[in-house]
Protein backbone atom coordinates (compact mmCIF):
# COMPACT_ATOMS: atom_id res chain seq x y z
CA MET A 1 46.50 47.18 28.41
CA ALA A 2 46.03 49.50 25.42
CA ALA A 3 45.60 52.48 27.75
CA VAL A 4 48.94 51.67 29.36
CA GLY A 5 50.62 51.69 25.98
CA VAL A 6 49.11 55.04 24.97
CA GLN A 7 50.28 56.60 28.22
CA ALA A 8 53.77 55.14 27.71
CA ARG A 9 54.10 56.52 24.17
CA ALA A 10 53.18 59.96 25.44
CA SER A 11 55.80 59.83 28.21
CA GLY A 12 58.81 59.47 25.90
CA LEU A 13 61.84 57.21 26.14
CA ALA A 14 63.67 57.19 29.47
CA THR A 15 66.24 55.06 31.24
CA MET A 16 65.61 53.23 34.49
CA THR A 17 66.60 55.28 37.51
CA GLU A 18 68.94 53.88 40.15
CA LYS A 19 66.04 53.76 42.61
CA GLU A 20 63.83 51.88 40.16
CA PHE A 21 66.59 49.38 39.39
CA ARG A 22 67.26 48.83 43.09
CA LYS A 23 63.61 48.08 43.80
CA LEU A 24 63.38 45.84 40.72
CA SER A 25 66.51 43.90 41.70
CA GLU A 26 65.24 43.47 45.28
CA PHE A 27 61.93 42.21 43.91
CA ILE A 28 63.65 39.68 41.61
CA HIS A 29 65.88 38.50 44.47
CA THR A 30 62.86 37.94 46.72
CA GLU A 31 60.77 36.22 44.06
CA VAL A 32 63.34 33.99 42.34
CA GLY A 33 66.60 34.27 44.30
CA ILE A 34 68.66 35.86 41.51
CA LYS A 35 71.07 38.57 42.68
CA LEU A 36 71.35 41.58 40.35
CA PRO A 37 74.10 44.00 41.48
CA PRO A 38 74.24 47.57 40.09
CA SER A 39 76.69 46.38 37.42
CA LYS A 40 73.81 44.43 35.81
CA LYS A 41 71.62 47.50 35.26
CA VAL A 42 72.59 47.96 31.59
CA MET A 43 72.04 44.24 30.92
CA VAL A 44 68.58 44.34 32.51
CA GLU A 45 67.61 47.41 30.48
CA ALA A 46 68.76 45.72 27.26
CA ARG A 47 66.83 42.54 28.01
CA LEU A 48 63.65 44.43 28.90
CA GLN A 49 63.50 46.27 25.57
CA LYS A 50 61.52 43.47 23.91
CA ARG A 51 58.96 43.54 26.75
CA LEU A 52 58.62 47.31 26.33
CA ARG A 53 57.87 46.83 22.62
CA THR A 54 55.42 43.99 23.30
CA LEU A 55 53.53 46.05 25.89
CA GLY A 56 53.60 49.22 23.79
CA MET A 57 55.68 51.08 26.36
CA ALA A 58 58.22 53.74 25.43
CA GLY A 59 60.26 53.83 28.64
CA TYR A 60 61.39 51.82 31.65
CA HIS A 61 59.46 54.02 34.07
CA ASP A 62 56.20 52.91 32.47
CA TYR A 63 57.24 49.27 32.78
CA TYR A 64 58.25 49.79 36.40
CA GLU A 65 54.88 51.39 37.21
CA PHE A 66 52.99 48.59 35.47
CA LEU A 67 55.01 45.76 37.04
CA PHE A 68 54.21 46.92 40.56
CA SER A 69 50.51 47.48 39.87
CA PRO A 70 48.03 44.73 40.89
CA GLN A 71 47.60 43.77 37.22
CA GLY A 72 51.33 43.70 36.60
CA LEU A 73 52.13 41.60 39.66
CA ASP A 74 49.54 39.09 38.50
CA GLU A 75 50.42 38.97 34.80
CA GLU A 76 53.98 40.14 34.22
CA LEU A 77 56.18 38.22 36.68
CA VAL A 78 56.46 35.11 34.49
CA HIS A 79 57.52 37.28 31.51
CA LEU A 80 60.03 39.21 33.61
CA ILE A 81 61.62 35.93 34.75
CA ASP A 82 61.86 34.71 31.17
CA VAL A 83 63.72 37.90 30.25
CA ILE A 84 66.08 38.01 33.24
CA THR A 85 67.16 34.37 33.50
CA THR A 86 70.30 33.24 31.69
CA ASN A 87 70.21 29.86 29.97
CA THR A 88 73.57 28.44 28.91
CA THR A 89 73.68 24.69 28.46
CA GLU A 90 74.67 21.89 26.10
CA PHE A 91 74.51 18.10 25.78
CA PHE A 92 77.05 16.25 27.97
CA ARG A 93 78.20 19.46 29.64
CA GLU A 94 80.82 18.74 32.34
CA PRO A 95 81.10 15.10 31.15
CA ARG A 96 82.92 13.80 34.23
CA HIS A 97 79.61 13.98 36.11
CA PHE A 98 78.04 11.42 33.79
CA GLU A 99 80.99 9.11 34.32
CA VAL A 100 80.51 9.32 38.11
CA LEU A 101 76.80 8.66 37.67
CA THR A 102 77.39 5.61 35.46
CA GLN A 103 80.41 4.13 37.25
CA ASP A 104 79.64 4.90 40.92
CA VAL A 105 76.10 6.06 41.62
CA LEU A 106 74.04 3.68 39.50
CA PRO A 107 75.87 0.41 40.34
CA THR A 108 75.72 1.25 44.08
CA TRP A 109 72.02 2.08 43.84
CA ARG A 110 71.32 -1.08 41.82
CA ALA A 111 73.07 -3.25 44.42
CA ALA A 112 70.94 -1.72 47.18
CA TYR A 113 67.52 -1.68 45.51
CA GLY A 114 67.63 -4.08 42.57
CA PRO A 115 64.52 -3.96 40.36
CA SER A 116 62.22 -3.13 43.30
CA ARG A 117 61.60 0.48 42.23
CA PRO A 118 62.69 3.04 39.63
CA PHE A 119 65.74 5.23 40.07
CA ARG A 120 64.42 8.77 40.69
CA LEU A 121 66.42 11.74 39.37
CA TRP A 122 65.71 15.47 39.34
CA SER A 123 67.28 17.92 36.88
CA ALA A 124 66.78 21.16 38.82
CA GLY A 125 67.15 24.21 36.60
CA CYS A 126 66.91 22.22 33.38
CA SER A 127 66.94 25.21 31.00
CA THR A 128 66.21 24.21 27.38
CA GLY A 129 66.45 20.49 28.14
CA GLU A 130 69.95 19.42 27.15
CA GLU A 131 70.80 18.22 30.68
CA PRO A 132 67.71 16.05 31.33
CA TYR A 133 67.90 14.59 27.82
CA THR A 134 71.58 13.78 28.34
CA LEU A 135 70.62 12.07 31.60
CA SER A 136 67.88 10.18 29.79
CA ILE A 137 70.46 8.89 27.29
CA VAL A 138 72.91 7.92 30.06
CA LEU A 139 70.21 6.09 32.05
CA SER A 140 68.86 4.40 28.92
CA GLU A 141 72.34 3.14 28.13
CA PHE A 142 72.67 1.77 31.67
CA ALA A 143 69.22 0.15 31.41
CA GLN A 144 70.25 -1.70 28.26
CA ARG A 145 73.15 -3.27 30.16
CA THR A 146 71.15 -3.86 33.36
CA PRO A 147 68.03 -6.06 33.10
CA GLY A 148 65.13 -4.77 35.18
CA PHE A 149 66.55 -1.28 35.70
CA ARG A 150 63.90 1.45 35.51
CA PHE A 151 64.16 5.20 35.97
CA SER A 152 62.17 8.42 36.06
CA ILE A 153 63.39 11.97 35.46
CA MET A 154 61.77 15.16 36.68
CA ALA A 155 63.06 18.33 35.03
CA THR A 156 62.14 21.79 36.30
CA ASP A 157 62.85 25.40 35.50
CA ILE A 158 61.32 28.72 36.46
CA SER A 159 61.18 29.95 32.85
CA THR A 160 58.13 28.94 30.83
CA ARG A 161 59.95 29.92 27.66
CA VAL A 162 62.81 27.43 28.07
CA LEU A 163 60.45 24.71 29.32
CA ALA A 164 58.45 24.98 26.10
CA MET A 165 61.65 24.53 24.11
CA ALA A 166 62.71 21.60 26.28
CA LYS A 167 59.40 19.78 25.89
CA ASN A 168 59.64 20.13 22.12
CA GLY A 169 63.05 18.43 22.10
CA VAL A 170 64.25 20.03 18.84
CA TYR A 171 67.85 21.28 18.59
CA PRO A 172 70.37 22.46 16.00
CA GLU A 173 72.73 19.64 14.96
CA GLU A 174 75.72 21.62 16.25
CA ARG A 175 74.49 21.15 19.83
CA LEU A 176 75.46 17.47 19.54
CA ALA A 177 79.14 18.21 18.92
CA LYS A 178 80.31 16.38 22.07
CA MET A 179 78.25 13.27 21.35
CA SER A 180 79.41 10.11 19.60
CA LEU A 181 78.01 9.28 16.19
CA ASP A 182 76.52 6.09 17.64
CA LEU A 183 74.49 7.98 20.24
CA LYS A 184 73.35 10.52 17.67
CA ARG A 185 72.05 7.77 15.42
CA ARG A 186 70.27 5.88 18.19
CA TYR A 187 68.61 8.74 20.05
CA PHE A 188 67.96 11.52 17.51
CA LEU A 189 65.83 11.97 14.41
CA ARG A 190 67.06 14.33 11.68
CA SER A 191 64.70 16.87 10.14
CA LYS A 192 63.26 15.86 6.77
CA ASP A 193 64.36 19.28 5.56
CA ARG A 194 68.12 18.73 5.72
CA ALA A 195 68.78 22.41 5.03
CA LYS A 196 67.43 23.28 8.50
CA LYS A 197 70.06 21.08 10.20
CA LEU A 198 67.74 20.26 13.10
CA VAL A 199 67.40 17.08 15.16
CA ARG A 200 64.74 15.85 17.59
CA LEU A 201 64.98 13.45 20.49
CA MET A 202 63.37 10.05 20.00
CA PRO A 203 59.84 9.87 21.48
CA GLU A 204 60.88 7.24 24.05
CA LEU A 205 63.41 9.70 25.53
CA ARG A 206 60.91 12.55 25.66
CA ARG A 207 58.27 10.38 27.35
CA VAL A 208 60.39 9.49 30.40
CA ILE A 209 60.90 13.13 31.41
CA ASP A 210 58.32 15.04 33.44
CA PHE A 211 58.87 18.74 32.71
CA ARG A 212 57.45 21.14 35.31
CA ARG A 213 57.71 24.81 36.21
CA LEU A 214 59.19 25.30 39.68
CA ASN A 215 60.39 28.34 41.62
CA PHE A 216 63.19 27.47 44.06
CA MET A 217 62.16 30.34 46.34
CA GLN A 218 58.75 28.80 46.99
CA HIS A 219 58.02 25.72 49.09
CA PHE A 220 58.30 22.45 47.19
CA SER A 221 58.09 18.79 48.14
CA PHE A 222 57.73 15.50 46.30
CA PRO A 223 55.84 12.34 47.29
CA GLU A 224 58.91 10.09 47.12
CA PRO A 225 62.53 10.79 48.13
CA LEU A 226 64.91 11.38 45.23
CA ASP A 227 67.97 9.26 44.51
CA THR A 228 69.95 11.95 42.70
CA ILE A 229 69.66 15.69 42.09
CA PHE A 230 71.51 17.56 39.36
CA CYS A 231 71.55 21.31 40.02
CA ARG A 232 74.49 22.62 38.03
CA ASN A 233 75.49 26.21 37.25
CA VAL A 234 72.24 27.55 38.71
CA MET A 235 73.31 28.66 42.18
CA ILE A 236 76.01 30.95 40.78
CA TYR A 237 73.24 33.53 40.31
CA PHE A 238 72.26 33.40 44.01
CA ASP A 239 73.92 34.95 47.03
CA ARG A 240 75.43 32.61 49.63
CA THR A 241 72.49 32.76 52.04
CA THR A 242 70.05 31.86 49.27
CA GLN A 243 72.35 29.05 48.10
CA GLU A 244 72.48 27.47 51.55
CA GLN A 245 68.70 27.74 52.01
CA LEU A 246 68.14 26.06 48.65
CA LEU A 247 70.64 23.30 49.42
CA GLN A 248 68.84 22.59 52.70
CA LYS A 249 65.65 22.13 50.68
CA PHE A 250 67.46 19.77 48.31
CA CYS A 251 68.74 17.69 51.23
CA THR A 252 65.19 17.37 52.56
CA GLN A 253 64.06 15.88 49.23
CA LEU A 254 67.10 13.60 48.83
CA ARG A 255 67.12 10.10 50.30
CA ARG A 256 69.86 9.06 52.69
CA ASP A 257 72.91 8.06 50.61
CA GLY A 258 71.45 9.99 47.67
CA PHE A 259 73.71 12.16 45.50
CA LEU A 260 73.81 15.86 44.63
CA PHE A 261 75.70 17.11 41.57
CA ILE A 262 76.56 20.83 41.34
CA GLY A 263 78.45 22.88 38.74
CA HIS A 264 82.26 22.94 38.65
CA SER A 265 82.23 26.69 39.37
CA GLU A 266 80.08 26.21 42.50
CA SER A 267 81.14 25.34 46.05
CA LEU A 268 79.58 24.10 49.29
CA THR A 269 82.64 24.98 51.38
CA GLY A 270 81.74 26.21 54.86
CA MET A 271 78.04 25.36 54.61
CA ASP A 272 76.34 23.35 57.35
CA LEU A 273 74.74 20.59 55.28
CA PRO A 274 74.27 16.81 55.73
CA LEU A 275 76.49 16.15 52.71
CA ARG A 276 79.90 14.53 52.27
CA GLN A 277 82.01 15.05 49.17
CA HIS A 278 82.16 11.92 46.98
CA ALA A 279 84.02 13.42 44.00
CA PRO A 280 84.71 16.96 42.76
CA THR A 281 81.34 18.79 42.87
CA VAL A 282 79.53 15.54 43.71
CA TYR A 283 78.11 15.07 47.21
CA LYS A 284 76.47 12.21 49.10
CA LYS A 285 73.79 12.72 51.75
CA ILE A 286 74.77 11.31 55.15
């Protein structure tokens, strides 16, 4: 790797050419489904600057050459994904979804299955963990009111960087702005150093979540059908064809009468899917 850096420093700083950006964007679309139109070129260059410094490279051409070398394809893809992906999330984001889950989905599921098995939920595209931890709180609250209710949560993301943050479960106090004081007290521990203004999820909440790395563009399957999938504000980065292909995969993993929650800015209109709308951006498999 040192030799690559020396060569890069000798080459001088350069911007990414249109051809290089086009090939890079096509590669990212194929590998992870994210669509990067020409208007995103400046953003991509800005986000890659840290990787150039880390690798000792002085220009984008050197990075481009390295990425598409056998060594780069083997080592760099995970870092490229971490740089390119956008992660915007918060606790209790789009709160109406959690009301539908608590008031409609869980009571209906409980009436059908009772205590015979755990409720299985997938947070697909979990980012830094706020969504699966919110779901863990919501399901824990339901469990306290419902004797015998059990649940499991799988949370996945393609970015190893955000998964590491999610597993740690440490957040700035300001991230809890939408949460009641009661929930904060019951499910979070404050840092001993109050000046840091950090909180951490209780161990019992962290234990019920299985964090995994998963690429939507690759084949995936799970041993048991899922009862509910949350995939919110993820598909907005995909083109329509990729969205529909991913949704077909979701439907394959979802049990009959299972539920899919998507983001309020996303739509399934015109897609040929075995789903019926239950509430705004909430769908039931038929």
